[in-house]
């Protein structure tokens, strides 16, 4: 919920290297 409220470019951490931020 907190992550979707923010643009992914402003997340405090990098995207997952396996799913590239897609969660699945």
PDBML (XML) file of the C-alpha atoms, coordinates in Angstrom:
<?xml version="1.0" encoding="UTF-8" ?>
<PDBx:datablock datablockName="MODEL"
   xmlns:PDBx="http://pdbml.pdb.org/schema/pdbx-v50.xsd"
   xmlns:xsi="http://www.w3.org/2001/XMLSchema-instance"
   xsi:schemaLocation="http://pdbml.pdb.org/schema/pdbx-v50.xsd pdbx-v50.xsd">
   <PDBx:atom_siteCategory>
      <PDBx:atom_site id="1">
         <PDBx:B_iso_or_equiv>0.00</PDBx:B_iso_or_equiv>
         <PDBx:Cartn_x>0.000</PDBx:Cartn_x>
         <PDBx:Cartn_y>0.000</PDBx:Cartn_y>
         <PDBx:Cartn_z>0.000</PDBx:Cartn_z>
         <PDBx:auth_asym_id>A</PDBx:auth_asym_id>
         <PDBx:auth_atom_id>CA</PDBx:auth_atom_id>
         <PDBx:auth_comp_id>UNK</PDBx:auth_comp_id>
         <PDBx:auth_seq_id>1</PDBx:auth_seq_id>
         <PDBx:group_PDB>ATOM</PDBx:group_PDB>
         <PDBx:label_alt_id xsi:nil="true" />
         <PDBx:label_asym_id>A</PDBx:label_asym_id>
         <PDBx:label_atom_id>CA</PDBx:label_atom_id>
         <PDBx:label_comp_id>UNK</PDBx:label_comp_id>
         <PDBx:label_entity_id>1</PDBx:label_entity_id>
         <PDBx:label_seq_id>1</PDBx:label_seq_id>
         <PDBx:occupancy>1.00</PDBx:occupancy>
         <PDBx:pdbx_PDB_model_num>1</PDBx:pdbx_PDB_model_num>
         <PDBx:type_symbol>C</PDBx:type_symbol>
      </PDBx:atom_site>
      <PDBx:atom_site id="2">
         <PDBx:B_iso_or_equiv>0.00</PDBx:B_iso_or_equiv>
         <PDBx:Cartn_x>2.784</PDBx:Cartn_x>
         <PDBx:Cartn_y>2.417</PDBx:Cartn_y>
         <PDBx:Cartn_z>0.847</PDBx:Cartn_z>
         <PDBx:auth_asym_id>A</PDBx:auth_asym_id>
         <PDBx:auth_atom_id>CA</PDBx:auth_atom_id>
         <PDBx:auth_comp_id>UNK</PDBx:auth_comp_id>
         <PDBx:auth_seq_id>2</PDBx:auth_seq_id>
         <PDBx:group_PDB>ATOM</PDBx:group_PDB>
         <PDBx:label_alt_id xsi:nil="true" />
         <PDBx:label_asym_id>A</PDBx:label_asym_id>
         <PDBx:label_atom_id>CA</PDBx:label_atom_id>
         <PDBx:label_comp_id>UNK</PDBx:label_comp_id>
         <PDBx:label_entity_id>1</PDBx:label_entity_id>
         <PDBx:label_seq_id>2</PDBx:label_seq_id>
         <PDBx:occupancy>1.00</PDBx:occupancy>
         <PDBx:pdbx_PDB_model_num>1</PDBx:pdbx_PDB_model_num>
         <PDBx:type_symbol>C</PDBx:type_symbol>
      </PDBx:atom_site>
      <PDBx:atom_site id="3">
         <PDBx:B_iso_or_equiv>0.00</PDBx:B_iso_or_equiv>
         <PDBx:Cartn_x>4.802</PDBx:Cartn_x>
         <PDBx:Cartn_y>1.453</PDBx:Cartn_y>
         <PDBx:Cartn_z>-2.233</PDBx:Cartn_z>
         <PDBx:auth_asym_id>A</PDBx:auth_asym_id>
         <PDBx:auth_atom_id>CA</PDBx:auth_atom_id>
         <PDBx:auth_comp_id>UNK</PDBx:auth_comp_id>
         <PDBx:auth_seq_id>3</PDBx:auth_seq_id>
         <PDBx:group_PDB>ATOM</PDBx:group_PDB>
         <PDBx:label_alt_id xsi:nil="true" />
         <PDBx:label_asym_id>A</PDBx:label_asym_id>
         <PDBx:label_atom_id>CA</PDBx:label_atom_id>
         <PDBx:label_comp_id>UNK</PDBx:label_comp_id>
         <PDBx:label_entity_id>1</PDBx:label_entity_id>
         <PDBx:label_seq_id>3</PDBx:label_seq_id>
         <PDBx:occupancy>1.00</PDBx:occupancy>
         <PDBx:pdbx_PDB_model_num>1</PDBx:pdbx_PDB_model_num>
         <PDBx:type_symbol>C</PDBx:type_symbol>
      </PDBx:atom_site>
      <PDBx:atom_site id="4">
         <PDBx:B_iso_or_equiv>0.00</PDBx:B_iso_or_equiv>
         <PDBx:Cartn_x>1.924</PDBx:Cartn_x>
         <PDBx:Cartn_y>1.901</PDBx:Cartn_y>
         <PDBx:Cartn_z>-4.660</PDBx:Cartn_z>
         <PDBx:auth_asym_id>A</PDBx:auth_asym_id>
         <PDBx:auth_atom_id>CA</PDBx:auth_atom_id>
         <PDBx:auth_comp_id>UNK</PDBx:auth_comp_id>
         <PDBx:auth_seq_id>4</PDBx:auth_seq_id>
         <PDBx:group_PDB>ATOM</PDBx:group_PDB>
         <PDBx:label_alt_id xsi:nil="true" />
         <PDBx:label_asym_id>A</PDBx:label_asym_id>
         <PDBx:label_atom_id>CA</PDBx:label_atom_id>
         <PDBx:label_comp_id>UNK</PDBx:label_comp_id>
         <PDBx:label_entity_id>1</PDBx:label_entity_id>
         <PDBx:label_seq_id>4</PDBx:label_seq_id>
         <PDBx:occupancy>1.00</PDBx:occupancy>
         <PDBx:pdbx_PDB_model_num>1</PDBx:pdbx_PDB_model_num>
         <PDBx:type_symbol>C</PDBx:type_symbol>
      </PDBx:atom_site>
      <PDBx:atom_site id="5">
         <PDBx:B_iso_or_equiv>0.00</PDBx:B_iso_or_equiv>
         <PDBx:Cartn_x>1.287</PDBx:Cartn_x>
         <PDBx:Cartn_y>5.370</PDBx:Cartn_y>
         <PDBx:Cartn_z>-3.242</PDBx:Cartn_z>
         <PDBx:auth_asym_id>A</PDBx:auth_asym_id>
         <PDBx:auth_atom_id>CA</PDBx:auth_atom_id>
         <PDBx:auth_comp_id>UNK</PDBx:auth_comp_id>
         <PDBx:auth_seq_id>5</PDBx:auth_seq_id>
         <PDBx:group_PDB>ATOM</PDBx:group_PDB>
         <PDBx:label_alt_id xsi:nil="true" />
         <PDBx:label_asym_id>A</PDBx:label_asym_id>
         <PDBx:label_atom_id>CA</PDBx:label_atom_id>
         <PDBx:label_comp_id>UNK</PDBx:label_comp_id>
         <PDBx:label_entity_id>1</PDBx:label_entity_id>
         <PDBx:label_seq_id>5</PDBx:label_seq_id>
         <PDBx:occupancy>1.00</PDBx:occupancy>
         <PDBx:pdbx_PDB_model_num>1</PDBx:pdbx_PDB_model_num>
         <PDBx:type_symbol>C</PDBx:type_symbol>
      </PDBx:atom_site>
      <PDBx:atom_site id="6">
         <PDBx:B_iso_or_equiv>0.00</PDBx:B_iso_or_equiv>
         <PDBx:Cartn_x>4.761</PDBx:Cartn_x>
         <PDBx:Cartn_y>6.421</PDBx:Cartn_y>
         <PDBx:Cartn_z>-4.404</PDBx:Cartn_z>
         <PDBx:auth_asym_id>A</PDBx:auth_asym_id>
         <PDBx:auth_atom_id>CA</PDBx:auth_atom_id>
         <PDBx:auth_comp_id>UNK</PDBx:auth_comp_id>
         <PDBx:auth_seq_id>6</PDBx:auth_seq_id>
         <PDBx:group_PDB>ATOM</PDBx:group_PDB>
         <PDBx:label_alt_id xsi:nil="true" />
         <PDBx:label_asym_id>A</PDBx:label_asym_id>
         <PDBx:label_atom_id>CA</PDBx:label_atom_id>
         <PDBx:label_comp_id>UNK</PDBx:label_comp_id>
         <PDBx:label_entity_id>1</PDBx:label_entity_id>
         <PDBx:label_seq_id>6</PDBx:label_seq_id>
         <PDBx:occupancy>1.00</PDBx:occupancy>
         <PDBx:pdbx_PDB_model_num>1</PDBx:pdbx_PDB_model_num>
         <PDBx:type_symbol>C</PDBx:type_symbol>
      </PDBx:atom_site>
      <PDBx:atom_site id="7">
         <PDBx:B_iso_or_equiv>0.00</PDBx:B_iso_or_equiv>
         <PDBx:Cartn_x>6.444</PDBx:Cartn_x>
         <PDBx:Cartn_y>6.436</PDBx:Cartn_y>
         <PDBx:Cartn_z>-7.792</PDBx:Cartn_z>
         <PDBx:auth_asym_id>A</PDBx:auth_asym_id>
         <PDBx:auth_atom_id>CA</PDBx:auth_atom_id>
         <PDBx:auth_comp_id>UNK</PDBx:auth_comp_id>
         <PDBx:auth_seq_id>7</PDBx:auth_seq_id>
         <PDBx:group_PDB>ATOM</PDBx:group_PDB>
         <PDBx:label_alt_id xsi:nil="true" />
         <PDBx:label_asym_id>A</PDBx:label_asym_id>
         <PDBx:label_atom_id>CA</PDBx:label_atom_id>
         <PDBx:label_comp_id>UNK</PDBx:label_comp_id>
         <PDBx:label_entity_id>1</PDBx:label_entity_id>
         <PDBx:label_seq_id>7</PDBx:label_seq_id>
         <PDBx:occupancy>1.00</PDBx:occupancy>
         <PDBx:pdbx_PDB_model_num>1</PDBx:pdbx_PDB_model_num>
         <PDBx:type_symbol>C</PDBx:type_symbol>
      </PDBx:atom_site>
      <PDBx:atom_site id="8">
         <PDBx:B_iso_or_equiv>0.00</PDBx:B_iso_or_equiv>
         <PDBx:Cartn_x>8.834</PDBx:Cartn_x>
         <PDBx:Cartn_y>3.465</PDBx:Cartn_y>
         <PDBx:Cartn_z>-7.898</PDBx:Cartn_z>
         <PDBx:auth_asym_id>A</PDBx:auth_asym_id>
         <PDBx:auth_atom_id>CA</PDBx:auth_atom_id>
         <PDBx:auth_comp_id>UNK</PDBx:auth_comp_id>
         <PDBx:auth_seq_id>8</PDBx:auth_seq_id>
         <PDBx:group_PDB>ATOM</PDBx:group_PDB>
         <PDBx:label_alt_id xsi:nil="true" />
         <PDBx:label_asym_id>A</PDBx:label_asym_id>
         <PDBx:label_atom_id>CA</PDBx:label_atom_id>
         <PDBx:label_comp_id>UNK</PDBx:label_comp_id>
         <PDBx:label_entity_id>1</PDBx:label_entity_id>
         <PDBx:label_seq_id>8</PDBx:label_seq_id>
         <PDBx:occupancy>1.00</PDBx:occupancy>
         <PDBx:pdbx_PDB_model_num>1</PDBx:pdbx_PDB_model_num>
         <PDBx:type_symbol>C</PDBx:type_symbol>
      </PDBx:atom_site>
      <PDBx:atom_site id="9">
         <PDBx:B_iso_or_equiv>0.00</PDBx:B_iso_or_equiv>
         <PDBx:Cartn_x>11.674</PDBx:Cartn_x>
         <PDBx:Cartn_y>5.851</PDBx:Cartn_y>
         <PDBx:Cartn_z>-8.700</PDBx:Cartn_z>
         <PDBx:auth_asym_id>A</PDBx:auth_asym_id>
         <PDBx:auth_atom_id>CA</PDBx:auth_atom_id>
         <PDBx:auth_comp_id>UNK</PDBx:auth_comp_id>
         <PDBx:auth_seq_id>9</PDBx:auth_seq_id>
         <PDBx:group_PDB>ATOM</PDBx:group_PDB>
         <PDBx:label_alt_id xsi:nil="true" />
         <PDBx:label_asym_id>A</PDBx:label_asym_id>
         <PDBx:label_atom_id>CA</PDBx:label_atom_id>
         <PDBx:label_comp_id>UNK</PDBx:label_comp_id>
         <PDBx:label_entity_id>1</PDBx:label_entity_id>
         <PDBx:label_seq_id>9</PDBx:label_seq_id>
         <PDBx:occupancy>1.00</PDBx:occupancy>
         <PDBx:pdbx_PDB_model_num>1</PDBx:pdbx_PDB_model_num>
         <PDBx:type_symbol>C</PDBx:type_symbol>
      </PDBx:atom_site>
      <PDBx:atom_site id="10">
         <PDBx:B_iso_or_equiv>0.00</PDBx:B_iso_or_equiv>
         <PDBx:Cartn_x>11.339</PDBx:Cartn_x>
         <PDBx:Cartn_y>7.288</PDBx:Cartn_y>
         <PDBx:Cartn_z>-5.183</PDBx:Cartn_z>
         <PDBx:auth_asym_id>A</PDBx:auth_asym_id>
         <PDBx:auth_atom_id>CA</PDBx:auth_atom_id>
         <PDBx:auth_comp_id>UNK</PDBx:auth_comp_id>
         <PDBx:auth_seq_id>10</PDBx:auth_seq_id>
         <PDBx:group_PDB>ATOM</PDBx:group_PDB>
         <PDBx:label_alt_id xsi:nil="true" />
         <PDBx:label_asym_id>A</PDBx:label_asym_id>
         <PDBx:label_atom_id>CA</PDBx:label_atom_id>
         <PDBx:label_comp_id>UNK</PDBx:label_comp_id>
         <PDBx:label_entity_id>1</PDBx:label_entity_id>
         <PDBx:label_seq_id>10</PDBx:label_seq_id>
         <PDBx:occupancy>1.00</PDBx:occupancy>
         <PDBx:pdbx_PDB_model_num>1</PDBx:pdbx_PDB_model_num>
         <PDBx:type_symbol>C</PDBx:type_symbol>
      </PDBx:atom_site>
      <PDBx:atom_site id="11">
         <PDBx:B_iso_or_equiv>0.00</PDBx:B_iso_or_equiv>
         <PDBx:Cartn_x>11.269</PDBx:Cartn_x>
         <PDBx:Cartn_y>3.978</PDBx:Cartn_y>
         <PDBx:Cartn_z>-3.296</PDBx:Cartn_z>
         <PDBx:auth_asym_id>A</PDBx:auth_asym_id>
         <PDBx:auth_atom_id>CA</PDBx:auth_atom_id>
         <PDBx:auth_comp_id>UNK</PDBx:auth_comp_id>
         <PDBx:auth_seq_id>11</PDBx:auth_seq_id>
         <PDBx:group_PDB>ATOM</PDBx:group_PDB>
         <PDBx:label_alt_id xsi:nil="true" />
         <PDBx:label_asym_id>A</PDBx:label_asym_id>
         <PDBx:label_atom_id>CA</PDBx:label_atom_id>
         <PDBx:label_comp_id>UNK</PDBx:label_comp_id>
         <PDBx:label_entity_id>1</PDBx:label_entity_id>
         <PDBx:label_seq_id>11</PDBx:label_seq_id>
         <PDBx:occupancy>1.00</PDBx:occupancy>
         <PDBx:pdbx_PDB_model_num>1</PDBx:pdbx_PDB_model_num>
         <PDBx:type_symbol>C</PDBx:type_symbol>
      </PDBx:atom_site>
      <PDBx:atom_site id="12">
         <PDBx:B_iso_or_equiv>0.00</PDBx:B_iso_or_equiv>
         <PDBx:Cartn_x>13.892</PDBx:Cartn_x>
         <PDBx:Cartn_y>3.847</PDBx:Cartn_y>
         <PDBx:Cartn_z>-0.537</PDBx:Cartn_z>
         <PDBx:auth_asym_id>A</PDBx:auth_asym_id>
         <PDBx:auth_atom_id>CA</PDBx:auth_atom_id>
         <PDBx:auth_comp_id>UNK</PDBx:auth_comp_id>
         <PDBx:auth_seq_id>12</PDBx:auth_seq_id>
         <PDBx:group_PDB>ATOM</PDBx:group_PDB>
         <PDBx:label_alt_id xsi:nil="true" />
         <PDBx:label_asym_id>A</PDBx:label_asym_id>
         <PDBx:label_atom_id>CA</PDBx:label_atom_id>
         <PDBx:label_comp_id>UNK</PDBx:label_comp_id>
         <PDBx:label_entity_id>1</PDBx:label_entity_id>
         <PDBx:label_seq_id>12</PDBx:label_seq_id>
         <PDBx:occupancy>1.00</PDBx:occupancy>
         <PDBx:pdbx_PDB_model_num>1</PDBx:pdbx_PDB_model_num>
         <PDBx:type_symbol>C</PDBx:type_symbol>
      </PDBx:atom_site>
      <PDBx:atom_site id="13">
         <PDBx:B_iso_or_equiv>0.00</PDBx:B_iso_or_equiv>
         <PDBx:Cartn_x>15.258</PDBx:Cartn_x>
         <PDBx:Cartn_y>0.585</PDBx:Cartn_y>
         <PDBx:Cartn_z>-1.957</PDBx:Cartn_z>
         <PDBx:auth_asym_id>A</PDBx:auth_asym_id>
         <PDBx:auth_atom_id>CA</PDBx:auth_atom_id>
         <PDBx:auth_comp_id>UNK</PDBx:auth_comp_id>
         <PDBx:auth_seq_id>13</PDBx:auth_seq_id>
         <PDBx:group_PDB>ATOM</PDBx:group_PDB>
         <PDBx:label_alt_id xsi:nil="true" />
         <PDBx:label_asym_id>A</PDBx:label_asym_id>
         <PDBx:label_atom_id>CA</PDBx:label_atom_id>
         <PDBx:label_comp_id>UNK</PDBx:label_comp_id>
         <PDBx:label_entity_id>1</PDBx:label_entity_id>
         <PDBx:label_seq_id>13</PDBx:label_seq_id>
         <PDBx:occupancy>1.00</PDBx:occupancy>
         <PDBx:pdbx_PDB_model_num>1</PDBx:pdbx_PDB_model_num>
         <PDBx:type_symbol>C</PDBx:type_symbol>
      </PDBx:atom_site>
      <PDBx:atom_site id="14">
         <PDBx:B_iso_or_equiv>0.00</PDBx:B_iso_or_equiv>
         <PDBx:Cartn_x>16.073</PDBx:Cartn_x>
         <PDBx:Cartn_y>-0.764</PDBx:Cartn_y>
         <PDBx:Cartn_z>-5.361</PDBx:Cartn_z>
         <PDBx:auth_asym_id>A</PDBx:auth_asym_id>
         <PDBx:auth_atom_id>CA</PDBx:auth_atom_id>
         <PDBx:auth_comp_id>UNK</PDBx:auth_comp_id>
         <PDBx:auth_seq_id>14</PDBx:auth_seq_id>
         <PDBx:group_PDB>ATOM</PDBx:group_PDB>
         <PDBx:label_alt_id xsi:nil="true" />
         <PDBx:label_asym_id>A</PDBx:label_asym_id>
         <PDBx:label_atom_id>CA</PDBx:label_atom_id>
         <PDBx:label_comp_id>UNK</PDBx:label_comp_id>
         <PDBx:label_entity_id>1</PDBx:label_entity_id>
         <PDBx:label_seq_id>14</PDBx:label_seq_id>
         <PDBx:occupancy>1.00</PDBx:occupancy>
         <PDBx:pdbx_PDB_model_num>1</PDBx:pdbx_PDB_model_num>
         <PDBx:type_symbol>C</PDBx:type_symbol>
      </PDBx:atom_site>
      <PDBx:atom_site id="15">
         <PDBx:B_iso_or_equiv>0.00</PDBx:B_iso_or_equiv>
         <PDBx:Cartn_x>13.745</PDBx:Cartn_x>
         <PDBx:Cartn_y>-3.063</PDBx:Cartn_y>
         <PDBx:Cartn_z>-7.233</PDBx:Cartn_z>
         <PDBx:auth_asym_id>A</PDBx:auth_asym_id>
         <PDBx:auth_atom_id>CA</PDBx:auth_atom_id>
         <PDBx:auth_comp_id>UNK</PDBx:auth_comp_id>
         <PDBx:auth_seq_id>15</PDBx:auth_seq_id>
         <PDBx:group_PDB>ATOM</PDBx:group_PDB>
         <PDBx:label_alt_id xsi:nil="true" />
         <PDBx:label_asym_id>A</PDBx:label_asym_id>
         <PDBx:label_atom_id>CA</PDBx:label_atom_id>
         <PDBx:label_comp_id>UNK</PDBx:label_comp_id>
         <PDBx:label_entity_id>1</PDBx:label_entity_id>
         <PDBx:label_seq_id>15</PDBx:label_seq_id>
         <PDBx:occupancy>1.00</PDBx:occupancy>
         <PDBx:pdbx_PDB_model_num>1</PDBx:pdbx_PDB_model_num>
         <PDBx:type_symbol>C</PDBx:type_symbol>
      </PDBx:atom_site>
      <PDBx:atom_site id="16">
         <PDBx:B_iso_or_equiv>0.00</PDBx:B_iso_or_equiv>
         <PDBx:Cartn_x>14.035</PDBx:Cartn_x>
         <PDBx:Cartn_y>-6.804</PDBx:Cartn_y>
         <PDBx:Cartn_z>-6.750</PDBx:Cartn_z>
         <PDBx:auth_asym_id>A</PDBx:auth_asym_id>
         <PDBx:auth_atom_id>CA</PDBx:auth_atom_id>
         <PDBx:auth_comp_id>UNK</PDBx:auth_comp_id>
         <PDBx:auth_seq_id>16</PDBx:auth_seq_id>
         <PDBx:group_PDB>ATOM</PDBx:group_PDB>
         <PDBx:label_alt_id xsi:nil="true" />
         <PDBx:label_asym_id>A</PDBx:label_asym_id>
         <PDBx:label_atom_id>CA</PDBx:label_atom_id>
         <PDBx:label_comp_id>UNK</PDBx:label_comp_id>
         <PDBx:label_entity_id>1</PDBx:label_entity_id>
         <PDBx:label_seq_id>16</PDBx:label_seq_id>
         <PDBx:occupancy>1.00</PDBx:occupancy>
         <PDBx:pdbx_PDB_model_num>1</PDBx:pdbx_PDB_model_num>
         <PDBx:type_symbol>C</PDBx:type_symbol>
      </PDBx:atom_site>
      <PDBx:atom_site id="17">
         <PDBx:B_iso_or_equiv>0.00</PDBx:B_iso_or_equiv>
         <PDBx:Cartn_x>16.600</PDBx:Cartn_x>
         <PDBx:Cartn_y>-8.243</PDBx:Cartn_y>
         <PDBx:Cartn_z>-9.149</PDBx:Cartn_z>
         <PDBx:auth_asym_id>A</PDBx:auth_asym_id>
         <PDBx:auth_atom_id>CA</PDBx:auth_atom_id>
         <PDBx:auth_comp_id>UNK</PDBx:auth_comp_id>
         <PDBx:auth_seq_id>17</PDBx:auth_seq_id>
         <PDBx:group_PDB>ATOM</PDBx:group_PDB>
         <PDBx:label_alt_id xsi:nil="true" />
         <PDBx:label_asym_id>A</PDBx:label_asym_id>
         <PDBx:label_atom_id>CA</PDBx:label_atom_id>
         <PDBx:label_comp_id>UNK</PDBx:label_comp_id>
         <PDBx:label_entity_id>1</PDBx:label_entity_id>
         <PDBx:label_seq_id>17</PDBx:label_seq_id>
         <PDBx:occupancy>1.00</PDBx:occupancy>
         <PDBx:pdbx_PDB_model_num>1</PDBx:pdbx_PDB_model_num>
         <PDBx:type_symbol>C</PDBx:type_symbol>
      </PDBx:atom_site>
      <PDBx:atom_site id="18">
         <PDBx:B_iso_or_equiv>0.00</PDBx:B_iso_or_equiv>
         <PDBx:Cartn_x>14.516</PDBx:Cartn_x>
         <PDBx:Cartn_y>-11.365</PDBx:Cartn_y>
         <PDBx:Cartn_z>-9.789</PDBx:Cartn_z>
         <PDBx:auth_asym_id>A</PDBx:auth_asym_id>
         <PDBx:auth_atom_id>CA</PDBx:auth_atom_id>
         <PDBx:auth_comp_id>UNK</PDBx:auth_comp_id>
         <PDBx:auth_seq_id>18</PDBx:auth_seq_id>
         <PDBx:group_PDB>ATOM</PDBx:group_PDB>
         <PDBx:label_alt_id xsi:nil="true" />
         <PDBx:label_asym_id>A</PDBx:label_asym_id>
         <PDBx:label_atom_id>CA</PDBx:label_atom_id>
         <PDBx:label_comp_id>UNK</PDBx:label_comp_id>
         <PDBx:label_entity_id>1</PDBx:label_entity_id>
         <PDBx:label_seq_id>18</PDBx:label_seq_id>
         <PDBx:occupancy>1.00</PDBx:occupancy>
         <PDBx:pdbx_PDB_model_num>1</PDBx:pdbx_PDB_model_num>
         <PDBx:type_symbol>C</PDBx:type_symbol>
      </PDBx:atom_site>
      <PDBx:atom_site id="19">
         <PDBx:B_iso_or_equiv>0.00</PDBx:B_iso_or_equiv>
         <PDBx:Cartn_x>11.046</PDBx:Cartn_x>
         <PDBx:Cartn_y>-9.968</PDBx:Cartn_y>
         <PDBx:Cartn_z>-10.563</PDBx:Cartn_z>
         <PDBx:auth_asym_id>A</PDBx:auth_asym_id>
         <PDBx:auth_atom_id>CA</PDBx:auth_atom_id>
         <PDBx:auth_comp_id>UNK</PDBx:auth_comp_id>
         <PDBx:auth_seq_id>19</PDBx:auth_seq_id>
         <PDBx:group_PDB>ATOM</PDBx:group_PDB>
         <PDBx:label_alt_id xsi:nil="true" />
         <PDBx:label_asym_id>A</PDBx:label_asym_id>
         <PDBx:label_atom_id>CA</PDBx:label_atom_id>
         <PDBx:label_comp_id>UNK</PDBx:label_comp_id>
         <PDBx:label_entity_id>1</PDBx:label_entity_id>
         <PDBx:label_seq_id>19</PDBx:label_seq_id>
         <PDBx:occupancy>1.00</PDBx:occupancy>
         <PDBx:pdbx_PDB_model_num>1</PDBx:pdbx_PDB_model_num>
         <PDBx:type_symbol>C</PDBx:type_symbol>
      </PDBx:atom_site>
      <PDBx:atom_site id="20">
         <PDBx:B_iso_or_equiv>0.00</PDBx:B_iso_or_equiv>
         <PDBx:Cartn_x>12.240</PDBx:Cartn_x>
         <PDBx:Cartn_y>-6.422</PDBx:Cartn_y>
         <PDBx:Cartn_z>-11.432</PDBx:Cartn_z>
         <PDBx:auth_asym_id>A</PDBx:auth_asym_id>
         <PDBx:auth_atom_id>CA</PDBx:auth_atom_id>
         <PDBx:auth_comp_id>UNK</PDBx:auth_comp_id>
         <PDBx:auth_seq_id>20</PDBx:auth_seq_id>
         <PDBx:group_PDB>ATOM</PDBx:group_PDB>
         <PDBx:label_alt_id xsi:nil="true" />
         <PDBx:label_asym_id>A</PDBx:label_asym_id>
         <PDBx:label_atom_id>CA</PDBx:label_atom_id>
         <PDBx:label_comp_id>UNK</PDBx:label_comp_id>
         <PDBx:label_entity_id>1</PDBx:label_entity_id>
         <PDBx:label_seq_id>20</PDBx:label_seq_id>
         <PDBx:occupancy>1.00</PDBx:occupancy>
         <PDBx:pdbx_PDB_model_num>1</PDBx:pdbx_PDB_model_num>
         <PDBx:type_symbol>C</PDBx:type_symbol>
      </PDBx:atom_site>
      <PDBx:atom_site id="21">
         <PDBx:B_iso_or_equiv>0.00</PDBx:B_iso_or_equiv>
         <PDBx:Cartn_x>9.649</PDBx:Cartn_x>
         <PDBx:Cartn_y>-4.883</PDBx:Cartn_y>
         <PDBx:Cartn_z>-9.132</PDBx:Cartn_z>
         <PDBx:auth_asym_id>A</PDBx:auth_asym_id>
         <PDBx:auth_atom_id>CA</PDBx:auth_atom_id>
         <PDBx:auth_comp_id>UNK</PDBx:auth_comp_id>
         <PDBx:auth_seq_id>21</PDBx:auth_seq_id>
         <PDBx:group_PDB>ATOM</PDBx:group_PDB>
         <PDBx:label_alt_id xsi:nil="true" />
         <PDBx:label_asym_id>A</PDBx:label_asym_id>
         <PDBx:label_atom_id>CA</PDBx:label_atom_id>
         <PDBx:label_comp_id>UNK</PDBx:label_comp_id>
         <PDBx:label_entity_id>1</PDBx:label_entity_id>
         <PDBx:label_seq_id>21</PDBx:label_seq_id>
         <PDBx:occupancy>1.00</PDBx:occupancy>
         <PDBx:pdbx_PDB_model_num>1</PDBx:pdbx_PDB_model_num>
         <PDBx:type_symbol>C</PDBx:type_symbol>
      </PDBx:atom_site>
      <PDBx:atom_site id="22">
         <PDBx:B_iso_or_equiv>0.00</PDBx:B_iso_or_equiv>
         <PDBx:Cartn_x>6.677</PDBx:Cartn_x>
         <PDBx:Cartn_y>-6.788</PDBx:Cartn_y>
         <PDBx:Cartn_z>-10.575</PDBx:Cartn_z>
         <PDBx:auth_asym_id>A</PDBx:auth_asym_id>
         <PDBx:auth_atom_id>CA</PDBx:auth_atom_id>
         <PDBx:auth_comp_id>UNK</PDBx:auth_comp_id>
         <PDBx:auth_seq_id>22</PDBx:auth_seq_id>
         <PDBx:group_PDB>ATOM</PDBx:group_PDB>
         <PDBx:label_alt_id xsi:nil="true" />
         <PDBx:label_asym_id>A</PDBx:label_asym_id>
         <PDBx:label_atom_id>CA</PDBx:label_atom_id>
         <PDBx:label_comp_id>UNK</PDBx:label_comp_id>
         <PDBx:label_entity_id>1</PDBx:label_entity_id>
         <PDBx:label_seq_id>22</PDBx:label_seq_id>
         <PDBx:occupancy>1.00</PDBx:occupancy>
         <PDBx:pdbx_PDB_model_num>1</PDBx:pdbx_PDB_model_num>
         <PDBx:type_symbol>C</PDBx:type_symbol>
      </PDBx:atom_site>
      <PDBx:atom_site id="23">
         <PDBx:B_iso_or_equiv>0.00</PDBx:B_iso_or_equiv>
         <PDBx:Cartn_x>6.148</PDBx:Cartn_x>
         <PDBx:Cartn_y>-8.810</PDBx:Cartn_y>
         <PDBx:Cartn_z>-7.344</PDBx:Cartn_z>
         <PDBx:auth_asym_id>A</PDBx:auth_asym_id>
         <PDBx:auth_atom_id>CA</PDBx:auth_atom_id>
         <PDBx:auth_comp_id>UNK</PDBx:auth_comp_id>
         <PDBx:auth_seq_id>23</PDBx:auth_seq_id>
         <PDBx:group_PDB>ATOM</PDBx:group_PDB>
         <PDBx:label_alt_id xsi:nil="true" />
         <PDBx:label_asym_id>A</PDBx:label_asym_id>
         <PDBx:label_atom_id>CA</PDBx:label_atom_id>
         <PDBx:label_comp_id>UNK</PDBx:label_comp_id>
         <PDBx:label_entity_id>1</PDBx:label_entity_id>
         <PDBx:label_seq_id>23</PDBx:label_seq_id>
         <PDBx:occupancy>1.00</PDBx:occupancy>
         <PDBx:pdbx_PDB_model_num>1</PDBx:pdbx_PDB_model_num>
         <PDBx:type_symbol>C</PDBx:type_symbol>
      </PDBx:atom_site>
      <PDBx:atom_site id="24">
         <PDBx:B_iso_or_equiv>0.00</PDBx:B_iso_or_equiv>
         <PDBx:Cartn_x>5.464</PDBx:Cartn_x>
         <PDBx:Cartn_y>-12.052</PDBx:Cartn_y>
         <PDBx:Cartn_z>-9.215</PDBx:Cartn_z>
         <PDBx:auth_asym_id>A</PDBx:auth_asym_id>
         <PDBx:auth_atom_id>CA</PDBx:auth_atom_id>
         <PDBx:auth_comp_id>UNK</PDBx:auth_comp_id>
         <PDBx:auth_seq_id>24</PDBx:auth_seq_id>
         <PDBx:group_PDB>ATOM</PDBx:group_PDB>
         <PDBx:label_alt_id xsi:nil="true" />
         <PDBx:label_asym_id>A</PDBx:label_asym_id>
         <PDBx:label_atom_id>CA</PDBx:label_atom_id>
         <PDBx:label_comp_id>UNK</PDBx:label_comp_id>
         <PDBx:label_entity_id>1</PDBx:label_entity_id>
         <PDBx:label_seq_id>24</PDBx:label_seq_id>
         <PDBx:occupancy>1.00</PDBx:occupancy>
         <PDBx:pdbx_PDB_model_num>1</PDBx:pdbx_PDB_model_num>
         <PDBx:type_symbol>C</PDBx:type_symbol>
      </PDBx:atom_site>
   </PDBx:atom_siteCategory>
</PDBx:datablock>
